[in-house]
Structure formats: C-alpha cells, structure tokens
Amino acid sequence: MPVRSAGLLIYRLFETGPEVLLVHPGGPFWAKKDEGAWSIPKGLIEAGEDELSAAIREAREELGAEIEGAFAPLGEYRQPGGKTVVVWSVEAELDVETVRSSEFQLEWPPRSGRFQNFPEVDRAKWFPTAEAEIKLLKGQVAMVADLARQLDRGRGEIAPFRHE
C-alpha cells in the first residue's frame, strides 16, 4: 500500500494577497538548504487515524500550537519519492516566533555512535504565494496554485467544515 501523509496549508489574507505558513525541516541535512527545502506541516497517517485528524496532529507536533478553523479539502499530491500527501487549507493566524516543534533522534555525525536530538522543524515563516513557490519542496508547489484557485472560487463554494 502506498505511503500516505496528511498536512495543512495554513494561510492568511492581506490586501496584497494571501500568505502561506511554511516550515523548514530541522536536522543537519537541511541546515544550509533554503530554496526548495520548505514544506507545509505534514506527516504520516497513523493506523486507524482519519486523514484530517492526522493533518491537525502533525501541525500541532511541528508547530507546537493547535490550528483551528474551517478546514477545506485542497487535494492529494503525489511526491517525487512516491508518497501521497492529502492536504486541507485553513485560514489561521500563528505567531511564528512561538513555534516549538517536537524532536527526533539521529546518529550524528554518521557512524559516530553518538545520537543527538533535533527539532522536526527548526523555524516557520509566512511567505507571499510567489515566494512560497520558490521555497517549497518541488512536490508541494502545486498546493499553492490550488489554494489560489480555491480562494478565487469564493468562500461559499469551498464547503469548509470544522473538525471535531
């Protein structure tokens, strides 16, 4: 069965257009990477977990905050590695200075026998959509275009729903 992840494309609206919240992966591999390295908050769906619940949980783990709002299905996106990410959009506000991510353990340096903890996300930032398309991982760029189309259709047609 193909690997499935779930995530949230969190946005806020300004007169100049929408901005999206992206996260930068933590750990030594990503430390010096910027363009093409950022992501939406997302992660694997656990056994028996519904996809939206997984997306909300992953955002909470990566951001250290509960994201609430009207969640609208955005789409499913096949990633270059073969994984599929199912995504919801949600309008929400978050102070990126307060982001506190969960951690993972990694042997670092490689083959050293030493294990270190690293944050899953080392920072988060709001980006205008044009800049977000440059910052995002290649397999996630289409999400921004789909968000723009969804917003253009008008809020009444998005059919958002609240997660309970």
C-alpha atoms as a PDB file:
ATOM      1  CA  MET A   1       0.000   0.000   0.000  1.00  0.00           C
ATOM      2  CA  PRO A   2       1.405   3.430  -0.917  1.00  0.00           C
ATOM      3  CA  VAL A   3       2.602   5.645   1.930  1.00  0.00           C
ATOM      4  CA  ARG A   4       0.154   8.450   2.732  1.00  0.00           C
ATOM      5  CA  SER A   5       0.755  11.617   4.679  1.00  0.00           C
ATOM      6  CA  ALA A   6      -1.601  14.416   5.639  1.00  0.00           C
ATOM      7  CA  GLY A   7      -0.946  18.120   6.030  1.00  0.00           C
ATOM      8  CA  LEU A   8      -2.344  21.596   6.347  1.00  0.00           C
ATOM      9  CA  LEU A   9      -1.748  24.523   4.032  1.00  0.00           C
ATOM     10  CA  ILE A  10      -2.286  27.334   6.519  1.00  0.00           C
ATOM     11  CA  TYR A  11      -2.909  30.768   5.047  1.00  0.00           C
ATOM     12  CA  ARG A  12      -3.816  34.314   5.999  1.00  0.00           C
ATOM     13  CA  LEU A  13      -5.264  37.034   3.795  1.00  0.00           C
ATOM     14  CA  PHE A  14      -3.978  40.547   3.206  1.00  0.00           C
ATOM     15  CA  GLU A  15      -4.984  43.272   0.751  1.00  0.00           C
ATOM     16  CA  THR A  16      -1.856  42.355  -1.238  1.00  0.00           C
ATOM     17  CA  GLY A  17      -2.879  38.685  -1.375  1.00  0.00           C
ATOM     18  CA  PRO A  18      -2.595  35.511   0.669  1.00  0.00           C
ATOM     19  CA  GLU A  19       0.431  34.406   2.626  1.00  0.00           C
ATOM     20  CA  VAL A  20       1.103  30.765   3.482  1.00  0.00           C
ATOM     21  CA  LEU A  21       2.815  29.316   6.519  1.00  0.00           C
ATOM     22  CA  LEU A  22       5.752  27.067   5.689  1.00  0.00           C
ATOM     23  CA  VAL A  23       8.092  25.117   7.938  1.00  0.00           C
ATOM     24  CA  HIS A  24      11.790  24.440   7.497  1.00  0.00           C
ATOM     25  CA  PRO A  25      12.911  20.920   8.415  1.00  0.00           C
ATOM     26  CA  GLY A  26      15.305  20.587  11.320  1.00  0.00           C
ATOM     27  CA  GLY A  27      18.429  18.500  11.493  1.00  0.00           C
ATOM     28  CA  PRO A  28      21.865  18.703   9.932  1.00  0.00           C
ATOM     29  CA  PHE A  29      20.864  17.628   6.399  1.00  0.00           C
ATOM     30  CA  TRP A  30      18.586  20.658   5.938  1.00  0.00           C
ATOM     31  CA  ALA A  31      20.593  23.214   7.957  1.00  0.00           C
ATOM     32  CA  LYS A  32      22.081  25.061   4.960  1.00  0.00           C
ATOM     33  CA  LYS A  33      19.243  24.475   2.483  1.00  0.00           C
ATOM     34  CA  ASP A  34      16.626  27.151   1.794  1.00  0.00           C
ATOM     35  CA  GLU A  35      15.093  27.343  -1.688  1.00  0.00           C
ATOM     36  CA  GLY A  36      13.238  24.148  -2.459  1.00  0.00           C
ATOM     37  CA  ALA A  37      13.568  22.926   1.155  1.00  0.00           C
ATOM     38  CA  TRP A  38      10.485  24.287   2.960  1.00  0.00           C
ATOM     39  CA  SER A  39       7.268  22.341   3.466  1.00  0.00           C
ATOM     40  CA  ILE A  40       3.748  22.562   4.759  1.00  0.00           C
ATOM     41  CA  PRO A  41       3.244  20.986   8.215  1.00  0.00           C
ATOM     42  CA  LYS A  42       2.551  17.333   7.415  1.00  0.00           C
ATOM     43  CA  GLY A  43       3.330  13.778   8.394  1.00  0.00           C
ATOM     44  CA  LEU A  44       2.375  10.140   8.231  1.00  0.00           C
ATOM     45  CA  ILE A  45      -1.156   8.999   8.932  1.00  0.00           C
ATOM     46  CA  GLU A  46      -1.204   6.536  11.838  1.00  0.00           C
ATOM     47  CA  ALA A  47      -3.123   3.251  11.629  1.00  0.00           C
ATOM     48  CA  GLY A  48      -6.827   3.835  12.245  1.00  0.00           C
ATOM     49  CA  GLU A  49      -6.459   7.631  12.139  1.00  0.00           C
ATOM     50  CA  ASP A  50      -8.581   9.694   9.771  1.00  0.00           C
ATOM     51  CA  GLU A  51      -6.649  11.905   7.389  1.00  0.00           C
ATOM     52  CA  LEU A  52      -7.814  15.295   8.672  1.00  0.00           C
ATOM     53  CA  SER A  53      -7.078  14.303  12.269  1.00  0.00           C
ATOM     54  CA  ALA A  54      -3.583  13.275  11.164  1.00  0.00           C
ATOM     55  CA  ALA A  55      -3.045  16.632   9.426  1.00  0.00           C
ATOM     56  CA  ILE A  56      -4.143  18.549  12.532  1.00  0.00           C
ATOM     57  CA  ARG A  57      -1.988  16.364  14.817  1.00  0.00           C
ATOM     58  CA  GLU A  58       1.074  16.792  12.608  1.00  0.00           C
ATOM     59  CA  ALA A  59       0.630  20.577  12.532  1.00  0.00           C
ATOM     60  CA  ARG A  60       0.356  20.593  16.334  1.00  0.00           C
ATOM     61  CA  GLU A  61       3.524  18.474  16.662  1.00  0.00           C
ATOM     62  CA  GLU A  62       5.522  20.561  14.205  1.00  0.00           C
ATOM     63  CA  LEU A  63       4.290  23.997  15.297  1.00  0.00           C
ATOM     64  CA  GLY A  64       3.586  23.482  18.984  1.00  0.00           C
ATOM     65  CA  ALA A  65       0.165  25.095  18.527  1.00  0.00           C
ATOM     66  CA  GLU A  66      -3.386  23.959  17.886  1.00  0.00           C
ATOM     67  CA  ILE A  67      -4.636  25.057  14.468  1.00  0.00           C
ATOM     68  CA  GLU A  68      -8.360  25.746  14.393  1.00  0.00           C
ATOM     69  CA  GLY A  69     -10.634  26.994  11.678  1.00  0.00           C
ATOM     70  CA  ALA A  70     -12.686  25.879   8.713  1.00  0.00           C
ATOM     71  CA  PHE A  71     -10.707  23.109   7.003  1.00  0.00           C
ATOM     72  CA  ALA A  72     -11.307  22.797   3.254  1.00  0.00           C
ATOM     73  CA  PRO A  73     -10.069  19.788   1.260  1.00  0.00           C
ATOM     74  CA  LEU A  74      -7.372  21.032  -1.128  1.00  0.00           C
ATOM     75  CA  GLY A  75      -6.208  17.874  -2.892  1.00  0.00           C
ATOM     76  CA  GLU A  76      -3.917  14.870  -2.999  1.00  0.00           C
ATOM     77  CA  TYR A  77      -0.347  15.319  -4.206  1.00  0.00           C
ATOM     78  CA  ARG A  78       1.998  12.555  -5.296  1.00  0.00           C
ATOM     79  CA  GLN A  79       5.522  13.374  -4.191  1.00  0.00           C
ATOM     80  CA  PRO A  80       8.676  12.592  -6.213  1.00  0.00           C
ATOM     81  CA  GLY A  81       9.505   9.746  -3.790  1.00  0.00           C
ATOM     82  CA  GLY A  82       6.119   8.113  -4.383  1.00  0.00           C
ATOM     83  CA  LYS A  83       4.342   9.151  -1.187  1.00  0.00           C
ATOM     84  CA  THR A  84       0.925  10.817  -1.479  1.00  0.00           C
ATOM     85  CA  VAL A  85       0.106  13.841   0.695  1.00  0.00           C
ATOM     86  CA  VAL A  86      -3.554  14.698   1.278  1.00  0.00           C
ATOM     87  CA  VAL A  87      -3.934  18.393   2.132  1.00  0.00           C
ATOM     88  CA  TRP A  88      -6.511  20.735   3.641  1.00  0.00           C
ATOM     89  CA  SER A  89      -6.368  24.503   3.551  1.00  0.00           C
ATOM     90  CA  VAL A  90      -7.279  26.543   6.603  1.00  0.00           C
ATOM     91  CA  GLU A  91      -7.220  30.248   7.309  1.00  0.00           C
ATOM     92  CA  ALA A  92      -5.494  30.803  10.642  1.00  0.00           C
ATOM     93  CA  GLU A  93      -3.072  33.123  12.377  1.00  0.00           C
ATOM     94  CA  LEU A  94       0.087  31.966  14.123  1.00  0.00           C
ATOM     95  CA  ASP A  95       2.991  33.857  15.645  1.00  0.00           C
ATOM     96  CA  VAL A  96       5.993  32.134  14.068  1.00  0.00           C
ATOM     97  CA  GLU A  97       8.206  33.291  16.940  1.00  0.00           C
ATOM     98  CA  THR A  98       6.339  30.900  19.258  1.00  0.00           C
ATOM     99  CA  VAL A  99       6.820  27.759  17.137  1.00  0.00           C
ATOM    100  CA  ARG A 100       8.123  24.848  19.212  1.00  0.00           C
ATOM    101  CA  SER A 101       8.484  21.572  17.352  1.00  0.00           C
ATOM    102  CA  SER A 102       8.718  18.019  18.603  1.00  0.00           C
ATOM    103  CA  GLU A 103      12.138  16.387  18.211  1.00  0.00           C
ATOM    104  CA  PHE A 104      13.638  13.332  16.557  1.00  0.00           C
ATOM    105  CA  GLN A 105      16.831  11.454  17.327  1.00  0.00           C
ATOM    106  CA  LEU A 106      19.577  10.935  14.764  1.00  0.00           C
ATOM    107  CA  GLU A 107      23.038   9.429  14.824  1.00  0.00           C
ATOM    108  CA  TRP A 108      25.222  12.451  14.164  1.00  0.00           C
ATOM    109  CA  PRO A 109      27.812  12.598  12.823  1.00  0.00           C
ATOM    110  CA  PRO A 110      27.037   9.491  10.758  1.00  0.00           C
ATOM    111  CA  ARG A 111      28.597   6.248  12.051  1.00  0.00           C
ATOM    112  CA  SER A 112      29.852   8.061  15.171  1.00  0.00           C
ATOM    113  CA  GLY A 113      27.725   6.100  17.629  1.00  0.00           C
ATOM    114  CA  ARG A 114      26.525   9.434  19.071  1.00  0.00           C
ATOM    115  CA  PHE A 115      22.829  10.232  18.933  1.00  0.00           C
ATOM    116  CA  GLN A 116      21.523  13.783  19.086  1.00  0.00           C
ATOM    117  CA  ASN A 117      18.060  15.302  19.260  1.00  0.00           C
ATOM    118  CA  PHE A 118      16.967  17.714  16.558  1.00  0.00           C
ATOM    119  CA  PRO A 119      13.680  19.587  16.117  1.00  0.00           C
ATOM    120  CA  GLU A 120      11.417  18.269  13.342  1.00  0.00           C
ATOM    121  CA  VAL A 121      11.008  21.920  12.342  1.00  0.00           C
ATOM    122  CA  ASP A 122      13.700  24.491  13.089  1.00  0.00           C
ATOM    123  CA  ARG A 123      11.631  27.509  12.018  1.00  0.00           C
ATOM    124  CA  ALA A 124       8.378  28.611  10.441  1.00  0.00           C
ATOM    125  CA  LYS A 125       7.669  31.662   8.332  1.00  0.00           C
ATOM    126  CA  TRP A 126       4.839  33.348   6.449  1.00  0.00           C
ATOM    127  CA  PHE A 127       5.506  33.741   2.719  1.00  0.00           C
ATOM    128  CA  PRO A 128       3.606  35.533  -0.052  1.00  0.00           C
ATOM    129  CA  THR A 129       2.490  32.842  -2.503  1.00  0.00           C
ATOM    130  CA  ALA A 130       5.015  33.776  -5.228  1.00  0.00           C
ATOM    131  CA  GLU A 131       7.903  33.419  -2.783  1.00  0.00           C
ATOM    132  CA  ALA A 132       6.402  30.247  -1.292  1.00  0.00           C
ATOM    133  CA  GLU A 133       6.547  28.582  -4.713  1.00  0.00           C
ATOM    134  CA  ILE A 134      10.331  29.124  -4.695  1.00  0.00           C
ATOM    135  CA  LYS A 135      10.822  27.972  -1.100  1.00  0.00           C
ATOM    136  CA  LEU A 136       8.639  24.845  -1.242  1.00  0.00           C
ATOM    137  CA  LEU A 137       9.810  21.332  -1.971  1.00  0.00           C
ATOM    138  CA  LYS A 138       9.204  20.531  -5.638  1.00  0.00           C
ATOM    139  CA  GLY A 139       6.363  18.095  -4.929  1.00  0.00           C
ATOM    140  CA  GLN A 140       4.407  20.696  -2.938  1.00  0.00           C
ATOM    141  CA  VAL A 141       4.459  23.692  -5.297  1.00  0.00           C
ATOM    142  CA  ALA A 142       1.118  22.739  -6.897  1.00  0.00           C
ATOM    143  CA  MET A 143      -0.575  23.165  -3.496  1.00  0.00           C
ATOM    144  CA  VAL A 144      -0.106  26.942  -3.662  1.00  0.00           C
ATOM    145  CA  ALA A 145      -1.675  27.178  -7.125  1.00  0.00           C
ATOM    146  CA  ASP A 146      -4.583  25.022  -5.948  1.00  0.00           C
ATOM    147  CA  LEU A 147      -5.062  27.291  -2.925  1.00  0.00           C
ATOM    148  CA  ALA A 148      -5.214  30.330  -5.227  1.00  0.00           C
ATOM    149  CA  ARG A 149      -7.880  28.611  -7.353  1.00  0.00           C
ATOM    150  CA  GLN A 150      -9.813  27.602  -4.249  1.00  0.00           C
ATOM    151  CA  LEU A 151      -9.786  31.165  -2.919  1.00  0.00           C
ATOM    152  CA  ASP A 152     -10.770  32.576  -6.324  1.00  0.00           C
ATOM    153  CA  ARG A 153     -13.862  30.368  -6.416  1.00  0.00           C
ATOM    154  CA  GLY A 154     -15.130  32.166  -3.336  1.00  0.00           C
ATOM    155  CA  ARG A 155     -15.545  31.049   0.222  1.00  0.00           C
ATOM    156  CA  GLY A 156     -19.148  29.931  -0.229  1.00  0.00           C
ATOM    157  CA  GLU A 157     -18.121  27.306  -2.772  1.00  0.00           C
ATOM    158  CA  ILE A 158     -15.183  25.857  -0.833  1.00  0.00           C
ATOM    159  CA  ALA A 159     -17.511  23.961   1.515  1.00  0.00           C
ATOM    160  CA  PRO A 160     -15.220  24.177   4.557  1.00  0.00           C
ATOM    161  CA  PHE A 161     -16.061  22.230   7.659  1.00  0.00           C
ATOM    162  CA  ARG A 162     -14.980  22.304  11.256  1.00  0.00           C
ATOM    163  CA  HIS A 163     -13.119  19.315  12.586  1.00  0.00           C
ATOM    164  CA  GLU A 164     -14.456  17.923  15.849  1.00  0.00           C
END
